[in-house]
Amino acid sequence: MKRHHAILVAVVALTVIAACTSVAQSDDKAERKAAGSTLRIVNDNLVKVNDGDCINCLYTVKGSVYNPNSDGVKNIVIRYYIWKKWMGKEGNASMTVTGGLVTATIKYIPPKQTVDFTATSRNAPVMTPASGKVPDPISAEITADWDE
């Protein structure tokens, strides 16, 4: 009888441990950071590029992004607002409405890998020195999904 009781206690204890482990693992997934917040821009440079016949008329951002995670990341969108401080003010529509938004889209970054990107659009014009307008310091906003 004592042996039967000991076996029953052991089975109950193992069941409780398994249930707690399962709850702890599901809690870990629920608390996982957004994939985009874990990616790291390892370098980015504001570059002037041509727009057809217009030499050095637009800004673009060229850089690299690193995935430090053990899981892949997909549907990555990297945004830079070149003229963010001019949004909502009078002036060039592509500056005041879009903030000079340039974007890069990357389909997938494997774990522990770095990928080069170029963020572009026609919304980030280069202003003349006479205008006194200089671009904002560049800072990326990243969104992405976990590849599960």
N, C-alpha and C. Protein backbone atom coordinates (compact mmCIF):
# COMPACT_ATOMS: atom_id res chain seq x y z
N MET A 1 0.81 -1.18 0.00
CA MET A 1 0.00 0.00 0.00
C MET A 1 0.86 1.26 0.00
N LYS A 2 1.96 1.23 0.80
CA LYS A 2 2.85 2.39 0.84
C LYS A 2 3.50 2.59 -0.52
N ARG A 3 3.85 1.50 -1.18
CA ARG A 3 4.47 1.60 -2.52
C ARG A 3 3.49 2.20 -3.51
N HIS A 4 2.25 1.77 -3.47
CA HIS A 4 1.21 2.30 -4.36
C HIS A 4 1.01 3.80 -4.10
N HIS A 5 1.03 4.20 -2.86
CA HIS A 5 0.88 5.61 -2.48
C HIS A 5 2.07 6.43 -2.99
N ALA A 6 3.29 5.89 -2.90
CA ALA A 6 4.49 6.57 -3.36
C ALA A 6 4.46 6.76 -4.88
N ILE A 7 3.99 5.76 -5.59
CA ILE A 7 3.89 5.84 -7.05
C ILE A 7 2.85 6.89 -7.43
N LEU A 8 1.74 6.91 -6.74
CA LEU A 8 0.69 7.88 -7.01
C LEU A 8 1.19 9.31 -6.76
N VAL A 9 1.92 9.52 -5.68
CA VAL A 9 2.48 10.83 -5.37
C VAL A 9 3.48 11.23 -6.45
N ALA A 10 4.30 10.32 -6.92
CA ALA A 10 5.29 10.61 -7.97
C ALA A 10 4.58 10.99 -9.27
N VAL A 11 3.54 10.29 -9.64
CA VAL A 11 2.80 10.59 -10.87
C VAL A 11 2.15 11.98 -10.77
N VAL A 12 1.55 12.28 -9.65
CA VAL A 12 0.93 13.60 -9.45
C VAL A 12 2.00 14.70 -9.53
N ALA A 13 3.14 14.46 -8.88
CA ALA A 13 4.22 15.45 -8.90
C ALA A 13 4.72 15.70 -10.33
N LEU A 14 4.92 14.64 -11.09
CA LEU A 14 5.37 14.79 -12.48
C LEU A 14 4.33 15.52 -13.32
N THR A 15 3.06 15.26 -13.08
CA THR A 15 1.99 15.94 -13.81
C THR A 15 2.00 17.44 -13.50
N VAL A 16 2.18 17.79 -12.23
CA VAL A 16 2.22 19.20 -11.84
C VAL A 16 3.43 19.88 -12.47
N ILE A 17 4.59 19.23 -12.44
CA ILE A 17 5.80 19.80 -13.05
C ILE A 17 5.61 20.00 -14.54
N ALA A 18 5.03 19.01 -15.23
CA ALA A 18 4.81 19.14 -16.68
C ALA A 18 3.85 20.29 -16.98
N ALA A 19 2.81 20.43 -16.18
CA ALA A 19 1.85 21.52 -16.40
C ALA A 19 2.51 22.87 -16.18
N CYS A 20 3.30 22.99 -15.13
CA CYS A 20 3.98 24.26 -14.85
C CYS A 20 4.98 24.61 -15.95
N THR A 21 5.70 23.61 -16.43
CA THR A 21 6.66 23.84 -17.51
C THR A 21 5.95 24.31 -18.77
N SER A 22 4.83 23.70 -19.08
CA SER A 22 4.05 24.09 -20.26
C SER A 22 3.56 25.52 -20.14
N VAL A 23 3.06 25.91 -18.97
CA VAL A 23 2.58 27.28 -18.75
C VAL A 23 3.74 28.25 -18.86
N ALA A 24 4.89 27.91 -18.29
CA ALA A 24 6.05 28.80 -18.34
C ALA A 24 6.50 29.00 -19.79
N GLN A 25 6.49 27.95 -20.60
CA GLN A 25 6.90 28.09 -21.99
C GLN A 25 5.91 28.94 -22.77
N SER A 26 4.63 28.78 -22.54
CA SER A 26 3.65 29.59 -23.27
C SER A 26 3.74 31.04 -22.82
N ASP A 27 4.08 31.30 -21.54
CA ASP A 27 4.26 32.66 -21.07
C ASP A 27 5.46 33.31 -21.76
N ASP A 28 6.53 32.53 -21.99
CA ASP A 28 7.72 33.07 -22.66
C ASP A 28 7.36 33.55 -24.06
N LYS A 29 6.58 32.80 -24.80
CA LYS A 29 6.20 33.20 -26.15
C LYS A 29 5.33 34.46 -26.12
N ALA A 30 4.44 34.54 -25.15
CA ALA A 30 3.56 35.70 -25.06
C ALA A 30 4.35 36.98 -24.78
N GLU A 31 5.48 36.87 -24.11
CA GLU A 31 6.28 38.03 -23.75
C GLU A 31 7.37 38.34 -24.76
N ARG A 32 7.42 37.67 -25.87
CA ARG A 32 8.45 37.87 -26.86
C ARG A 32 8.35 39.28 -27.45
N LYS A 33 9.48 39.92 -27.59
CA LYS A 33 9.51 41.27 -28.15
C LYS A 33 9.07 41.25 -29.60
N ALA A 34 8.62 42.40 -30.08
CA ALA A 34 8.30 42.54 -31.49
C ALA A 34 9.58 42.33 -32.29
N ALA A 35 9.48 41.60 -33.39
CA ALA A 35 10.67 41.24 -34.17
C ALA A 35 11.46 42.47 -34.61
N GLY A 36 10.76 43.51 -35.04
CA GLY A 36 11.44 44.71 -35.52
C GLY A 36 12.28 45.39 -34.46
N SER A 37 11.85 45.31 -33.21
CA SER A 37 12.59 45.98 -32.13
C SER A 37 13.89 45.28 -31.80
N THR A 38 14.05 44.05 -32.24
CA THR A 38 15.27 43.30 -31.93
C THR A 38 16.35 43.46 -33.00
N LEU A 39 15.96 43.92 -34.19
CA LEU A 39 16.93 44.10 -35.27
C LEU A 39 17.81 45.31 -35.00
N ARG A 40 19.04 45.27 -35.48
CA ARG A 40 20.00 46.35 -35.23
C ARG A 40 20.54 46.90 -36.55
N ILE A 41 20.44 48.22 -36.71
CA ILE A 41 21.08 48.89 -37.85
C ILE A 41 22.57 48.96 -37.50
N VAL A 42 23.41 48.34 -38.32
CA VAL A 42 24.85 48.34 -38.01
C VAL A 42 25.56 49.50 -38.70
N ASN A 43 24.99 50.01 -39.76
CA ASN A 43 25.47 51.25 -40.36
C ASN A 43 24.38 51.80 -41.26
N ASP A 44 24.34 53.12 -41.37
CA ASP A 44 23.42 53.77 -42.30
C ASP A 44 24.00 55.12 -42.68
N ASN A 45 23.87 55.45 -43.95
CA ASN A 45 24.43 56.69 -44.47
C ASN A 45 23.42 57.39 -45.36
N LEU A 46 23.29 58.68 -45.16
CA LEU A 46 22.45 59.50 -46.01
C LEU A 46 23.25 59.83 -47.27
N VAL A 47 22.68 59.50 -48.42
CA VAL A 47 23.39 59.63 -49.70
C VAL A 47 22.52 60.41 -50.68
N LYS A 48 23.16 61.29 -51.46
CA LYS A 48 22.45 61.99 -52.54
C LYS A 48 22.51 61.12 -53.79
N VAL A 49 21.35 61.01 -54.47
CA VAL A 49 21.27 60.20 -55.69
C VAL A 49 20.62 61.01 -56.80
N ASN A 50 20.79 60.53 -58.02
CA ASN A 50 20.22 61.19 -59.19
C ASN A 50 18.74 60.85 -59.33
N ASP A 51 18.01 61.78 -59.95
CA ASP A 51 16.62 61.57 -60.30
C ASP A 51 16.49 61.88 -61.79
N GLY A 52 16.69 60.85 -62.60
CA GLY A 52 16.70 61.07 -64.05
C GLY A 52 17.87 61.96 -64.43
N ASP A 53 17.58 63.09 -65.06
CA ASP A 53 18.62 64.03 -65.49
C ASP A 53 19.09 64.94 -64.36
N CYS A 54 18.39 64.95 -63.27
CA CYS A 54 18.74 65.82 -62.15
C CYS A 54 19.79 65.12 -61.28
N ILE A 55 20.98 65.68 -61.25
CA ILE A 55 22.10 65.08 -60.51
C ILE A 55 22.00 65.44 -59.03
N ASN A 56 22.11 64.41 -58.17
CA ASN A 56 22.07 64.58 -56.71
C ASN A 56 20.84 65.35 -56.22
N CYS A 57 19.68 64.98 -56.74
CA CYS A 57 18.43 65.68 -56.40
C CYS A 57 17.66 65.05 -55.26
N LEU A 58 17.91 63.78 -54.96
CA LEU A 58 17.14 63.09 -53.92
C LEU A 58 18.08 62.47 -52.89
N TYR A 59 17.54 62.33 -51.66
CA TYR A 59 18.26 61.60 -50.62
C TYR A 59 17.78 60.16 -50.59
N THR A 60 18.69 59.28 -50.26
CA THR A 60 18.40 57.88 -49.99
C THR A 60 19.25 57.47 -48.79
N VAL A 61 18.92 56.37 -48.18
CA VAL A 61 19.73 55.86 -47.07
C VAL A 61 20.22 54.47 -47.45
N LYS A 62 21.54 54.29 -47.39
CA LYS A 62 22.15 52.98 -47.64
C LYS A 62 22.72 52.48 -46.32
N GLY A 63 22.47 51.21 -46.03
CA GLY A 63 22.96 50.68 -44.77
C GLY A 63 22.89 49.17 -44.69
N SER A 64 23.08 48.68 -43.47
CA SER A 64 23.03 47.25 -43.19
C SER A 64 22.25 47.04 -41.90
N VAL A 65 21.49 45.94 -41.85
CA VAL A 65 20.72 45.59 -40.66
C VAL A 65 21.10 44.17 -40.25
N TYR A 66 21.25 43.98 -38.93
CA TYR A 66 21.68 42.69 -38.37
C TYR A 66 20.55 42.05 -37.57
N ASN A 67 20.36 40.74 -37.76
CA ASN A 67 19.40 39.96 -36.99
C ASN A 67 20.18 39.17 -35.93
N PRO A 68 20.19 39.62 -34.66
CA PRO A 68 20.94 38.93 -33.62
C PRO A 68 20.22 37.72 -33.03
N ASN A 69 19.03 37.44 -33.51
CA ASN A 69 18.18 36.40 -32.92
C ASN A 69 18.53 35.00 -33.42
N SER A 70 18.01 34.00 -32.72
CA SER A 70 18.19 32.61 -33.15
C SER A 70 17.08 32.17 -34.09
N ASP A 71 16.12 33.06 -34.34
CA ASP A 71 15.04 32.82 -35.31
C ASP A 71 15.13 33.81 -36.45
N GLY A 72 14.66 33.39 -37.62
CA GLY A 72 14.62 34.29 -38.76
C GLY A 72 13.54 35.35 -38.59
N VAL A 73 13.69 36.44 -39.35
CA VAL A 73 12.74 37.54 -39.32
C VAL A 73 12.32 37.82 -40.76
N LYS A 74 11.02 38.08 -40.96
CA LYS A 74 10.50 38.30 -42.32
C LYS A 74 9.71 39.59 -42.39
N ASN A 75 9.40 40.00 -43.62
CA ASN A 75 8.57 41.19 -43.88
C ASN A 75 9.12 42.43 -43.17
N ILE A 76 10.40 42.67 -43.33
CA ILE A 76 11.05 43.78 -42.66
C ILE A 76 10.83 45.06 -43.46
N VAL A 77 10.40 46.13 -42.79
CA VAL A 77 10.27 47.44 -43.41
C VAL A 77 11.08 48.42 -42.56
N ILE A 78 12.01 49.09 -43.22
CA ILE A 78 12.86 50.08 -42.55
C ILE A 78 12.47 51.44 -43.09
N ARG A 79 12.12 52.37 -42.17
CA ARG A 79 11.67 53.70 -42.56
C ARG A 79 12.60 54.76 -41.98
N TYR A 80 12.87 55.76 -42.79
CA TYR A 80 13.59 56.95 -42.36
C TYR A 80 12.80 58.17 -42.80
N TYR A 81 12.64 59.14 -41.90
CA TYR A 81 12.00 60.41 -42.24
C TYR A 81 13.12 61.46 -42.34
N ILE A 82 13.53 61.76 -43.56
CA ILE A 82 14.65 62.67 -43.79
C ILE A 82 14.31 64.09 -43.37
N TRP A 83 13.06 64.50 -43.58
CA TRP A 83 12.62 65.87 -43.27
C TRP A 83 11.52 65.88 -42.20
N LYS A 84 11.63 65.04 -41.19
CA LYS A 84 10.57 64.90 -40.19
C LYS A 84 10.22 66.22 -39.51
N LYS A 85 11.22 67.04 -39.22
CA LYS A 85 10.95 68.29 -38.50
C LYS A 85 10.15 69.28 -39.35
N TRP A 86 10.03 69.04 -40.66
CA TRP A 86 9.28 69.94 -41.53
C TRP A 86 7.85 69.46 -41.78
N MET A 87 7.49 68.32 -41.23
CA MET A 87 6.12 67.80 -41.44
C MET A 87 5.10 68.78 -40.86
N GLY A 88 4.05 69.05 -41.64
CA GLY A 88 2.98 69.92 -41.19
C GLY A 88 3.26 71.41 -41.35
N LYS A 89 4.42 71.75 -41.90
CA LYS A 89 4.76 73.17 -42.11
C LYS A 89 4.60 73.51 -43.58
N GLU A 90 4.64 74.78 -43.90
CA GLU A 90 4.53 75.20 -45.30
C GLU A 90 5.82 74.87 -46.04
N GLY A 91 5.67 74.59 -47.32
CA GLY A 91 6.84 74.32 -48.14
C GLY A 91 6.61 73.17 -49.09
N ASN A 92 7.68 72.54 -49.49
CA ASN A 92 7.66 71.43 -50.43
C ASN A 92 6.73 70.33 -49.91
N ALA A 93 5.77 69.91 -50.74
CA ALA A 93 4.77 68.93 -50.30
C ALA A 93 5.39 67.60 -49.88
N SER A 94 6.42 67.15 -50.60
CA SER A 94 7.02 65.87 -50.22
C SER A 94 7.74 65.95 -48.88
N MET A 95 8.10 67.15 -48.46
CA MET A 95 8.71 67.33 -47.15
C MET A 95 7.64 67.49 -46.07
N THR A 96 6.65 68.32 -46.33
CA THR A 96 5.68 68.67 -45.29
C THR A 96 4.61 67.62 -45.07
N VAL A 97 4.30 66.84 -46.10
CA VAL A 97 3.27 65.81 -45.97
C VAL A 97 3.88 64.48 -45.54
N THR A 98 4.94 64.06 -46.20
CA THR A 98 5.53 62.74 -45.92
C THR A 98 6.73 62.81 -44.98
N GLY A 99 7.26 63.99 -44.74
CA GLY A 99 8.46 64.09 -43.90
C GLY A 99 9.70 63.56 -44.61
N GLY A 100 9.62 63.48 -45.94
CA GLY A 100 10.76 62.95 -46.69
C GLY A 100 10.96 61.46 -46.44
N LEU A 101 9.86 60.71 -46.32
CA LEU A 101 9.92 59.29 -46.01
C LEU A 101 10.62 58.50 -47.11
N VAL A 102 11.62 57.71 -46.71
CA VAL A 102 12.25 56.73 -47.59
C VAL A 102 12.13 55.38 -46.90
N THR A 103 11.92 54.32 -47.69
CA THR A 103 11.74 53.00 -47.10
C THR A 103 12.56 51.94 -47.82
N ALA A 104 12.86 50.89 -47.07
CA ALA A 104 13.47 49.69 -47.63
C ALA A 104 12.65 48.51 -47.14
N THR A 105 12.41 47.55 -48.03
CA THR A 105 11.67 46.34 -47.67
C THR A 105 12.58 45.14 -47.91
N ILE A 106 12.66 44.28 -46.90
CA ILE A 106 13.47 43.06 -46.98
C ILE A 106 12.55 41.89 -46.68
N LYS A 107 12.58 40.87 -47.52
CA LYS A 107 11.67 39.73 -47.34
C LYS A 107 12.05 38.87 -46.14
N TYR A 108 13.36 38.63 -45.94
CA TYR A 108 13.78 37.69 -44.89
C TYR A 108 15.22 37.94 -44.49
N ILE A 109 15.48 37.86 -43.19
CA ILE A 109 16.85 37.89 -42.68
C ILE A 109 17.04 36.64 -41.82
N PRO A 110 17.97 35.77 -42.21
CA PRO A 110 18.23 34.56 -41.41
C PRO A 110 18.81 34.92 -40.04
N PRO A 111 18.76 33.97 -39.11
CA PRO A 111 19.35 34.22 -37.79
C PRO A 111 20.84 34.56 -37.90
N LYS A 112 21.26 35.50 -37.06
CA LYS A 112 22.68 35.87 -36.93
C LYS A 112 23.30 36.33 -38.25
N GLN A 113 22.51 36.99 -39.11
CA GLN A 113 23.00 37.45 -40.41
C GLN A 113 22.80 38.96 -40.56
N THR A 114 23.61 39.56 -41.43
CA THR A 114 23.51 40.97 -41.77
C THR A 114 23.12 41.09 -43.23
N VAL A 115 22.21 42.02 -43.53
CA VAL A 115 21.74 42.23 -44.90
C VAL A 115 21.86 43.72 -45.22
N ASP A 116 22.34 44.02 -46.43
CA ASP A 116 22.43 45.41 -46.89
C ASP A 116 21.06 45.86 -47.40
N PHE A 117 20.78 47.16 -47.28
CA PHE A 117 19.53 47.71 -47.78
C PHE A 117 19.77 49.11 -48.34
N THR A 118 18.82 49.53 -49.18
CA THR A 118 18.77 50.91 -49.67
C THR A 118 17.34 51.39 -49.51
N ALA A 119 17.16 52.44 -48.72
CA ALA A 119 15.84 53.02 -48.49
C ALA A 119 15.67 54.19 -49.44
N THR A 120 14.65 54.12 -50.30
CA THR A 120 14.47 55.13 -51.33
C THR A 120 13.02 55.58 -51.44
N SER A 121 12.82 56.69 -52.13
CA SER A 121 11.51 57.16 -52.58
C SER A 121 11.77 58.45 -53.35
N ARG A 122 10.72 59.04 -53.85
CA ARG A 122 10.85 60.35 -54.50
C ARG A 122 10.39 61.45 -53.56
N ASN A 123 10.30 61.13 -52.26
CA ASN A 123 9.78 62.07 -51.26
C ASN A 123 10.85 62.78 -50.45
N ALA A 124 12.11 62.60 -50.78
CA ALA A 124 13.18 63.19 -49.97
C ALA A 124 14.09 64.05 -50.85
N PRO A 125 13.61 65.22 -51.24
CA PRO A 125 14.41 66.07 -52.13
C PRO A 125 15.60 66.70 -51.39
N VAL A 126 16.65 66.93 -52.14
CA VAL A 126 17.80 67.68 -51.63
C VAL A 126 17.46 69.16 -51.78
N MET A 127 17.59 69.92 -50.71
CA MET A 127 17.29 71.35 -50.75
C MET A 127 18.57 72.13 -51.04
N THR A 128 18.41 73.29 -51.64
CA THR A 128 19.57 74.13 -51.94
C THR A 128 20.15 74.69 -50.65
N PRO A 129 21.45 74.95 -50.61
CA PRO A 129 22.04 75.56 -49.41
C PRO A 129 21.38 76.90 -49.06
N ALA A 130 20.91 77.62 -50.08
CA ALA A 130 20.28 78.92 -49.84
C ALA A 130 18.99 78.80 -49.03
N SER A 131 18.33 77.64 -49.09
CA SER A 131 17.07 77.46 -48.35
C SER A 131 17.31 77.41 -46.85
N GLY A 132 18.52 77.05 -46.45
CA GLY A 132 18.83 76.92 -45.03
C GLY A 132 18.27 75.65 -44.40
N LYS A 133 17.65 74.80 -45.20
CA LYS A 133 17.06 73.57 -44.68
C LYS A 133 18.06 72.42 -44.81
N VAL A 134 18.32 71.80 -43.69
CA VAL A 134 19.21 70.63 -43.69
C VAL A 134 18.42 69.44 -43.17
N PRO A 135 18.77 68.24 -43.64
CA PRO A 135 18.01 67.04 -43.22
C PRO A 135 18.16 66.78 -41.72
N ASP A 136 17.16 66.08 -41.19
CA ASP A 136 17.23 65.62 -39.80
C ASP A 136 18.33 64.57 -39.68
N PRO A 137 18.90 64.41 -38.48
CA PRO A 137 19.79 63.25 -38.28
C PRO A 137 18.97 61.98 -38.55
N ILE A 138 19.54 61.03 -39.25
CA ILE A 138 18.76 59.86 -39.63
C ILE A 138 18.62 58.89 -38.45
N SER A 139 17.43 58.34 -38.37
CA SER A 139 17.10 57.37 -37.33
C SER A 139 16.05 56.43 -37.90
N ALA A 140 16.33 55.14 -37.83
CA ALA A 140 15.45 54.15 -38.45
C ALA A 140 14.28 53.77 -37.56
N GLU A 141 13.15 53.50 -38.20
CA GLU A 141 12.00 52.86 -37.56
C GLU A 141 11.83 51.53 -38.28
N ILE A 142 11.81 50.44 -37.52
CA ILE A 142 11.79 49.10 -38.13
C ILE A 142 10.56 48.32 -37.66
N THR A 143 9.86 47.71 -38.62
CA THR A 143 8.80 46.75 -38.30
C THR A 143 9.14 45.44 -38.99
N ALA A 144 8.73 44.34 -38.38
CA ALA A 144 9.03 43.00 -38.94
C ALA A 144 8.18 41.96 -38.23
N ASP A 145 8.17 40.75 -38.80
CA ASP A 145 7.46 39.61 -38.22
C ASP A 145 8.44 38.49 -37.95
N TRP A 146 8.16 37.70 -36.93
CA TRP A 146 8.95 36.49 -36.67
C TRP A 146 8.63 35.46 -37.74
N ASP A 147 9.63 34.73 -38.19
CA ASP A 147 9.43 33.62 -39.13
C ASP A 147 9.22 32.36 -38.31
N GLU A 148 7.95 31.98 -38.14
CA GLU A 148 7.65 30.83 -37.28
C GLU A 148 7.15 29.66 -38.08
